[in-house]
């Protein structure tokens, strides 16, 4: 819904990093509230926006994220 609200307010697609930040804020909130199970997944987000072109972000289960030129996740990701 954050991308839809942004589109309605600004009449343009949400910038990639702003969307990743919003999604990771949700992931991080689940680590703090009792009775909610945290997300147990790392994700790769890929997108394009007119300000920065193509972008790649990686987030961990706690909601921390970072931008990359290239990255991977999985069992042997530390060896690549």
PDB file of N, CA and C in Angstrom:
ATOM      1  N   UNK A   1       0.809  -1.203   0.000  1.00  0.00           N
ATOM      2  CA  UNK A   1       0.000   0.000   0.000  1.00  0.00           C
ATOM      3  C   UNK A   1       0.850   1.264   0.000  1.00  0.00           C
ATOM      4  N   UNK A   2       2.076   1.206   0.493  1.00  0.00           N
ATOM      5  CA  UNK A   2       2.900   2.417   0.531  1.00  0.00           C
ATOM      6  C   UNK A   2       3.211   2.906  -0.880  1.00  0.00           C
ATOM      7  N   UNK A   3       3.392   1.997  -1.835  1.00  0.00           N
ATOM      8  CA  UNK A   3       3.666   2.434  -3.204  1.00  0.00           C
ATOM      9  C   UNK A   3       2.426   3.055  -3.843  1.00  0.00           C
ATOM     10  N   UNK A   4       1.252   2.531  -3.529  1.00  0.00           N
ATOM     11  CA  UNK A   4       0.007   3.099  -4.050  1.00  0.00           C
ATOM     12  C   UNK A   4      -0.245   4.483  -3.471  1.00  0.00           C
ATOM     13  N   UNK A   5      -0.038   4.637  -2.170  1.00  0.00           N
ATOM     14  CA  UNK A   5      -0.217   5.946  -1.542  1.00  0.00           C
ATOM     15  C   UNK A   5       0.759   6.972  -2.114  1.00  0.00           C
ATOM     16  N   UNK A   6       1.994   6.556  -2.346  1.00  0.00           N
ATOM     17  CA  UNK A   6       2.987   7.456  -2.931  1.00  0.00           C
ATOM     18  C   UNK A   6       2.548   7.881  -4.331  1.00  0.00           C
ATOM     19  N   UNK A   7       2.093   6.924  -5.127  1.00  0.00           N
ATOM     20  CA  UNK A   7       1.638   7.216  -6.485  1.00  0.00           C
ATOM     21  C   UNK A   7       0.466   8.189  -6.482  1.00  0.00           C
ATOM     22  N   UNK A   8      -0.485   7.988  -5.580  1.00  0.00           N
ATOM     23  CA  UNK A   8      -1.636   8.886  -5.500  1.00  0.00           C
ATOM     24  C   UNK A   8      -1.227  10.293  -5.064  1.00  0.00           C
ATOM     25  N   UNK A   9      -0.256  10.386  -4.161  1.00  0.00           N
ATOM     26  CA  UNK A   9       0.141  11.688  -3.643  1.00  0.00           C
ATOM     27  C   UNK A   9       1.041  12.465  -4.603  1.00  0.00           C
ATOM     28  N   UNK A  10       1.989  11.776  -5.255  1.00  0.00           N
ATOM     29  CA  UNK A  10       2.994  12.462  -6.064  1.00  0.00           C
ATOM     30  C   UNK A  10       2.845  12.235  -7.571  1.00  0.00           C
ATOM     31  N   UNK A  11       1.919  11.389  -7.995  1.00  0.00           N
ATOM     32  CA  UNK A  11       1.683  11.076  -9.410  1.00  0.00           C
ATOM     33  C   UNK A  11       2.939  10.546 -10.119  1.00  0.00           C
ATOM     34  N   UNK A  12       3.748   9.810  -9.397  1.00  0.00           N
ATOM     35  CA  UNK A  12       4.901   9.122  -9.973  1.00  0.00           C
ATOM     36  C   UNK A  12       5.228   7.920  -9.106  1.00  0.00           C
ATOM     37  N   UNK A  13       5.886   6.906  -9.688  1.00  0.00           N
ATOM     38  CA  UNK A  13       6.221   5.703  -8.911  1.00  0.00           C
ATOM     39  C   UNK A  13       7.158   6.017  -7.749  1.00  0.00           C
ATOM     40  N   UNK A  14       7.051   5.228  -6.713  1.00  0.00           N
ATOM     41  CA  UNK A  14       7.893   5.406  -5.530  1.00  0.00           C
ATOM     42  C   UNK A  14       9.346   5.071  -5.880  1.00  0.00           C
ATOM     43  N   UNK A  15      10.317   5.869  -5.425  1.00  0.00           N
ATOM     44  CA  UNK A  15      11.730   5.527  -5.645  1.00  0.00           C
ATOM     45  C   UNK A  15      12.075   4.192  -4.975  1.00  0.00           C
ATOM     46  N   UNK A  16      12.977   3.449  -5.594  1.00  0.00           N
ATOM     47  CA  UNK A  16      13.315   2.101  -5.117  1.00  0.00           C
ATOM     48  C   UNK A  16      13.729   2.082  -3.653  1.00  0.00           C
ATOM     49  N   UNK A  17      14.670   2.939  -3.282  1.00  0.00           N
ATOM     50  CA  UNK A  17      15.168   2.891  -1.907  1.00  0.00           C
ATOM     51  C   UNK A  17      14.077   3.235  -0.901  1.00  0.00           C
ATOM     52  N   UNK A  18      13.185   4.121  -1.254  1.00  0.00           N
ATOM     53  CA  UNK A  18      12.097   4.473  -0.342  1.00  0.00           C
ATOM     54  C   UNK A  18      11.162   3.281  -0.127  1.00  0.00           C
ATOM     55  N   UNK A  19      10.898   2.509  -1.180  1.00  0.00           N
ATOM     56  CA  UNK A  19      10.066   1.314  -1.047  1.00  0.00           C
ATOM     57  C   UNK A  19      10.769   0.259  -0.200  1.00  0.00           C
ATOM     58  N   UNK A  20      12.059   0.041  -0.448  1.00  0.00           N
ATOM     59  CA  UNK A  20      12.824  -0.934   0.341  1.00  0.00           C
ATOM     60  C   UNK A  20      12.840  -0.528   1.810  1.00  0.00           C
ATOM     61  N   UNK A  21      13.022   0.752   2.086  1.00  0.00           N
ATOM     62  CA  UNK A  21      13.008   1.245   3.463  1.00  0.00           C
ATOM     63  C   UNK A  21      11.675   0.949   4.134  1.00  0.00           C
ATOM     64  N   UNK A  22      10.577   1.200   3.441  1.00  0.00           N
ATOM     65  CA  UNK A  22       9.250   0.948   4.010  1.00  0.00           C
ATOM     66  C   UNK A  22       9.045  -0.539   4.299  1.00  0.00           C
ATOM     67  N   UNK A  23       9.454  -1.402   3.375  1.00  0.00           N
ATOM     68  CA  UNK A  23       9.298  -2.844   3.581  1.00  0.00           C
ATOM     69  C   UNK A  23      10.183  -3.342   4.724  1.00  0.00           C
ATOM     70  N   UNK A  24      11.399  -2.830   4.813  1.00  0.00           N
ATOM     71  CA  UNK A  24      12.307  -3.253   5.881  1.00  0.00           C
ATOM     72  C   UNK A  24      11.875  -2.711   7.237  1.00  0.00           C
ATOM     73  N   UNK A  25      11.214  -1.564   7.261  1.00  0.00           N
ATOM     74  CA  UNK A  25      10.646  -1.066   8.519  1.00  0.00           C
ATOM     75  C   UNK A  25       9.594  -2.034   9.049  1.00  0.00           C
ATOM     76  N   UNK A  26       8.804  -2.607   8.156  1.00  0.00           N
ATOM     77  CA  UNK A  26       7.800  -3.605   8.562  1.00  0.00           C
ATOM     78  C   UNK A  26       8.499  -4.850   9.103  1.00  0.00           C
ATOM     79  N   UNK A  27       9.531  -5.333   8.388  1.00  0.00           N
ATOM     80  CA  UNK A  27      10.274  -6.506   8.860  1.00  0.00           C
ATOM     81  C   UNK A  27      10.884  -6.255  10.230  1.00  0.00           C
ATOM     82  N   UNK A  28      11.443  -5.059  10.429  1.00  0.00           N
ATOM     83  CA  UNK A  28      12.080  -4.728  11.701  1.00  0.00           C
ATOM     84  C   UNK A  28      11.052  -4.637  12.822  1.00  0.00           C
ATOM     85  N   UNK A  29       9.881  -4.099  12.543  1.00  0.00           N
ATOM     86  CA  UNK A  29       8.837  -3.971  13.566  1.00  0.00           C
ATOM     87  C   UNK A  29       8.408  -5.344  14.086  1.00  0.00           C
ATOM     88  N   UNK A  30       8.406  -6.349  13.236  1.00  0.00           N
ATOM     89  CA  UNK A  30       8.014  -7.691  13.663  1.00  0.00           C
ATOM     90  C   UNK A  30       9.018  -8.304  14.633  1.00  0.00           C
ATOM     91  N   UNK A  31      10.234  -7.761  14.707  1.00  0.00           N
ATOM     92  CA  UNK A  31      11.209  -8.279  15.672  1.00  0.00           C
ATOM     93  C   UNK A  31      10.986  -7.703  17.062  1.00  0.00           C
ATOM     94  N   UNK A  32      10.146  -6.672  17.195  1.00  0.00           N
ATOM     95  CA  UNK A  32       9.973  -5.987  18.475  1.00  0.00           C
ATOM     96  C   UNK A  32       8.650  -6.263  19.165  1.00  0.00           C
ATOM     97  N   UNK A  33       7.620  -6.611  18.428  1.00  0.00           N
ATOM     98  CA  UNK A  33       6.296  -6.771  19.023  1.00  0.00           C
ATOM     99  C   UNK A  33       6.085  -8.196  19.511  1.00  0.00           C
ATOM    100  N   UNK A  34       5.584  -8.329  20.735  1.00  0.00           N
ATOM    101  CA  UNK A  34       5.269  -9.642  21.275  1.00  0.00           C
ATOM    102  C   UNK A  34       4.090 -10.260  20.544  1.00  0.00           C
ATOM    103  N   UNK A  35       4.117 -11.552  20.402  1.00  0.00           N
ATOM    104  CA  UNK A  35       3.026 -12.259  19.753  1.00  0.00           C
ATOM    105  C   UNK A  35       3.114 -12.292  18.242  1.00  0.00           C
ATOM    106  N   UNK A  36       4.132 -11.658  17.682  1.00  0.00           N
ATOM    107  CA  UNK A  36       4.320 -11.687  16.236  1.00  0.00           C
ATOM    108  C   UNK A  36       5.635 -12.378  15.933  1.00  0.00           C
ATOM    109  N   UNK A  37       5.590 -13.250  14.972  1.00  0.00           N
ATOM    110  CA  UNK A  37       6.790 -13.985  14.590  1.00  0.00           C
ATOM    111  C   UNK A  37       7.573 -13.183  13.547  1.00  0.00           C
ATOM    112  N   UNK A  38       8.876 -12.966  13.770  1.00  0.00           N
ATOM    113  CA  UNK A  38       9.675 -12.204  12.794  1.00  0.00           C
ATOM    114  C   UNK A  38       9.775 -12.937  11.455  1.00  0.00           C
ATOM    115  N   UNK A  39       9.981 -12.182  10.415  1.00  0.00           N
ATOM    116  CA  UNK A  39      10.219 -12.781   9.105  1.00  0.00           C
ATOM    117  C   UNK A  39      11.574 -13.485   9.155  1.00  0.00           C
ATOM    118  N   UNK A  40      11.646 -14.696   8.706  1.00  0.00           N
ATOM    119  CA  UNK A  40      12.893 -15.455   8.739  1.00  0.00           C
ATOM    120  C   UNK A  40      13.493 -15.597   7.359  1.00  0.00           C
ATOM    121  N   UNK A  41      13.567 -14.497   6.622  1.00  0.00           N
ATOM    122  CA  UNK A  41      14.012 -14.591   5.238  1.00  0.00           C
ATOM    123  C   UNK A  41      14.845 -13.364   4.858  1.00  0.00           C
ATOM    124  N   UNK A  42      15.888 -13.622   4.085  1.00  0.00           N
ATOM    125  CA  UNK A  42      16.630 -12.536   3.439  1.00  0.00           C
ATOM    126  C   UNK A  42      16.050 -12.358   2.044  1.00  0.00           C
ATOM    127  N   UNK A  43      15.984 -11.126   1.587  1.00  0.00           N
ATOM    128  CA  UNK A  43      15.387 -10.843   0.282  1.00  0.00           C
ATOM    129  C   UNK A  43      16.308  -9.978  -0.562  1.00  0.00           C
ATOM    130  N   UNK A  44      16.201 -10.149  -1.879  1.00  0.00           N
ATOM    131  CA  UNK A  44      16.852  -9.258  -2.832  1.00  0.00           C
ATOM    132  C   UNK A  44      15.766  -8.433  -3.499  1.00  0.00           C
ATOM    133  N   UNK A  45      15.973  -7.136  -3.548  1.00  0.00           N
ATOM    134  CA  UNK A  45      15.037  -6.214  -4.195  1.00  0.00           C
ATOM    135  C   UNK A  45      15.762  -5.595  -5.387  1.00  0.00           C
ATOM    136  N   UNK A  46      15.158  -5.685  -6.552  1.00  0.00           N
ATOM    137  CA  UNK A  46      15.740  -5.090  -7.747  1.00  0.00           C
ATOM    138  C   UNK A  46      14.724  -4.132  -8.342  1.00  0.00           C
ATOM    139  N   UNK A  47      15.188  -2.994  -8.811  1.00  0.00           N
ATOM    140  CA  UNK A  47      14.263  -2.040  -9.395  1.00  0.00           C
ATOM    141  C   UNK A  47      14.980  -0.986 -10.204  1.00  0.00           C
ATOM    142  N   UNK A  48      14.183  -0.103 -10.753  1.00  0.00           N
ATOM    143  CA  UNK A  48      14.690   1.012 -11.542  1.00  0.00           C
ATOM    144  C   UNK A  48      13.870   2.240 -11.208  1.00  0.00           C
ATOM    145  N   UNK A  49      14.523   3.369 -11.040  1.00  0.00           N
ATOM    146  CA  UNK A  49      13.793   4.630 -10.947  1.00  0.00           C
ATOM    147  C   UNK A  49      14.548   5.700 -11.725  1.00  0.00           C
ATOM    148  N   UNK A  50      13.848   6.793 -12.021  1.00  0.00           N
ATOM    149  CA  UNK A  50      14.424   7.816 -12.896  1.00  0.00           C
ATOM    150  C   UNK A  50      15.562   8.593 -12.248  1.00  0.00           C
ATOM    151  N   UNK A  51      15.690   8.524 -10.944  1.00  0.00           N
ATOM    152  CA  UNK A  51      16.739   9.274 -10.260  1.00  0.00           C
ATOM    153  C   UNK A  51      18.080   8.539 -10.259  1.00  0.00           C
ATOM    154  N   UNK A  52      18.058   7.226 -10.020  1.00  0.00           N
ATOM    155  CA  UNK A  52      19.297   6.464  -9.865  1.00  0.00           C
ATOM    156  C   UNK A  52      19.432   5.292 -10.827  1.00  0.00           C
ATOM    157  N   UNK A  53      18.474   5.067 -11.704  1.00  0.00           N
ATOM    158  CA  UNK A  53      18.553   3.959 -12.651  1.00  0.00           C
ATOM    159  C   UNK A  53      18.332   2.621 -11.956  1.00  0.00           C
ATOM    160  N   UNK A  54      19.058   1.588 -12.431  1.00  0.00           N
ATOM    161  CA  UNK A  54      18.904   0.252 -11.867  1.00  0.00           C
ATOM    162  C   UNK A  54      19.542   0.186 -10.487  1.00  0.00           C
ATOM    163  N   UNK A  55      18.876  -0.525  -9.577  1.00  0.00           N
ATOM    164  CA  UNK A  55      19.350  -0.639  -8.199  1.00  0.00           C
ATOM    165  C   UNK A  55      19.116  -2.051  -7.679  1.00  0.00           C
ATOM    166  N   UNK A  56      19.978  -2.464  -6.748  1.00  0.00           N
ATOM    167  CA  UNK A  56      19.874  -3.772  -6.113  1.00  0.00           C
ATOM    168  C   UNK A  56      20.084  -3.596  -4.616  1.00  0.00           C
ATOM    169  N   UNK A  57      19.162  -4.123  -3.839  1.00  0.00           N
ATOM    170  CA  UNK A  57      19.241  -4.062  -2.379  1.00  0.00           C
ATOM    171  C   UNK A  57      19.070  -5.463  -1.818  1.00  0.00           C
ATOM    172  N   UNK A  58      19.684  -5.694  -0.664  1.00  0.00           N
ATOM    173  CA  UNK A  58      19.548  -6.959   0.054  1.00  0.00           C
ATOM    174  C   UNK A  58      19.125  -6.646   1.478  1.00  0.00           C
ATOM    175  N   UNK A  59      18.142  -7.401   1.988  1.00  0.00           N
ATOM    176  CA  UNK A  59      17.746  -7.229   3.391  1.00  0.00           C
ATOM    177  C   UNK A  59      17.870  -8.558   4.117  1.00  0.00           C
ATOM    178  N   UNK A  60      18.168  -8.479   5.408  1.00  0.00           N
ATOM    179  CA  UNK A  60      18.239  -9.681   6.236  1.00  0.00           C
ATOM    180  C   UNK A  60      16.950  -9.802   7.058  1.00  0.00           C
ATOM    181  N   UNK A  61      16.780 -10.894   7.797  1.00  0.00           N
ATOM    182  CA  UNK A  61      15.526 -11.090   8.544  1.00  0.00           C
ATOM    183  C   UNK A  61      15.218 -10.008   9.571  1.00  0.00           C
ATOM    184  N   UNK A  62      16.238  -9.296  10.055  1.00  0.00           N
ATOM    185  CA  UNK A  62      15.987  -8.262  11.065  1.00  0.00           C
ATOM    186  C   UNK A  62      15.505  -6.948  10.465  1.00  0.00           C
ATOM    187  N   UNK A  63      15.556  -6.815   9.147  1.00  0.00           N
ATOM    188  CA  UNK A  63      15.127  -5.580   8.507  1.00  0.00           C
ATOM    189  C   UNK A  63      16.263  -4.671   8.093  1.00  0.00           C
ATOM    190  N   UNK A  64      17.503  -5.049   8.389  1.00  0.00           N
ATOM    191  CA  UNK A  64      18.646  -4.262   7.908  1.00  0.00           C
ATOM    192  C   UNK A  64      18.786  -4.463   6.406  1.00  0.00           C
ATOM    193  N   UNK A  65      19.150  -3.407   5.693  1.00  0.00           N
ATOM    194  CA  UNK A  65      19.320  -3.535   4.251  1.00  0.00           C
ATOM    195  C   UNK A  65      20.516  -2.724   3.784  1.00  0.00           C
ATOM    196  N   UNK A  66      20.989  -3.065   2.601  1.00  0.00           N
ATOM    197  CA  UNK A  66      22.093  -2.334   1.995  1.00  0.00           C
ATOM    198  C   UNK A  66      22.015  -2.432   0.491  1.00  0.00           C
ATOM    199  N   UNK A  67      22.576  -1.440  -0.182  1.00  0.00           N
ATOM    200  CA  UNK A  67      22.616  -1.433  -1.635  1.00  0.00           C
ATOM    201  C   UNK A  67      23.878  -2.114  -2.150  1.00  0.00           C
ATOM    202  N   UNK A  68      23.763  -2.777  -3.294  1.00  0.00           N
ATOM    203  CA  UNK A  68      24.871  -3.532  -3.866  1.00  0.00           C
ATOM    204  C   UNK A  68      24.921  -3.340  -5.377  1.00  0.00           C
ATOM    205  N   UNK A  69      26.112  -3.538  -5.945  1.00  0.00           N
ATOM    206  CA  UNK A  69      26.244  -3.642  -7.401  1.00  0.00           C
ATOM    207  C   UNK A  69      25.992  -5.082  -7.830  1.00  0.00           C
ATOM    208  N   UNK A  70      26.378  -6.035  -6.975  1.00  0.00           N
ATOM    209  CA  UNK A  70      26.126  -7.459  -7.190  1.00  0.00           C
ATOM    210  C   UNK A  70      26.167  -8.136  -5.827  1.00  0.00           C
ATOM    211  N   UNK A  71      25.307  -9.118  -5.616  1.00  0.00           N
ATOM    212  CA  UNK A  71      25.284  -9.853  -4.350  1.00  0.00           C
ATOM    213  C   UNK A  71      24.531 -11.162  -4.545  1.00  0.00           C
ATOM    214  N   UNK A  72      24.612 -12.025  -3.552  1.00  0.00           N
ATOM    215  CA  UNK A  72      23.843 -13.263  -3.566  1.00  0.00           C
ATOM    216  C   UNK A  72      23.513 -13.638  -2.125  1.00  0.00           C
ATOM    217  N   UNK A  73      22.527 -14.497  -1.979  1.00  0.00           N
ATOM    218  CA  UNK A  73      22.161 -15.010  -0.665  1.00  0.00           C
ATOM    219  C   UNK A  73      22.028 -16.518  -0.777  1.00  0.00           C
ATOM    220  N   UNK A  74      22.256 -17.207   0.331  1.00  0.00           N
ATOM    221  CA  UNK A  74      22.137 -18.654   0.327  1.00  0.00           C
ATOM    222  C   UNK A  74      23.273 -19.304   1.091  1.00  0.00           C
ATOM    223  N   UNK A  75      23.333 -20.630   1.000  1.00  0.00           N
ATOM    224  CA  UNK A  75      24.297 -21.407   1.776  1.00  0.00           C
ATOM    225  C   UNK A  75      25.747 -21.008   1.527  1.00  0.00           C
ATOM    226  N   UNK A  76      26.140 -20.822   0.294  1.00  0.00           N
ATOM    227  CA  UNK A  76      27.539 -20.533  -0.034  1.00  0.00           C
ATOM    228  C   UNK A  76      27.774 -19.075  -0.410  1.00  0.00           C
ATOM    229  N   UNK A  77      26.918 -18.180   0.020  1.00  0.00           N
ATOM    230  CA  UNK A  77      27.044 -16.779  -0.390  1.00  0.00           C
ATOM    231  C   UNK A  77      28.320 -16.128   0.139  1.00  0.00           C
ATOM    232  N   UNK A  78      28.855 -16.605   1.246  1.00  0.00           N
ATOM    233  CA  UNK A  78      30.087 -16.028   1.794  1.00  0.00           C
ATOM    234  C   UNK A  78      31.308 -16.385   0.945  1.00  0.00           C
ATOM    235  N   UNK A  79      31.197 -17.406   0.108  1.00  0.00           N
ATOM    236  CA  UNK A  79      32.327 -17.867  -0.697  1.00  0.00           C
ATOM    237  C   UNK A  79      32.363 -17.239  -2.082  1.00  0.00           C
ATOM    238  N   UNK A  80      31.392 -16.386  -2.402  1.00  0.00           N
ATOM    239  CA  UNK A  80      31.372 -15.794  -3.751  1.00  0.00           C
ATOM    240  C   UNK A  80      31.863 -14.376  -3.734  1.00  0.00           C
TER     241      UNK A  80
END
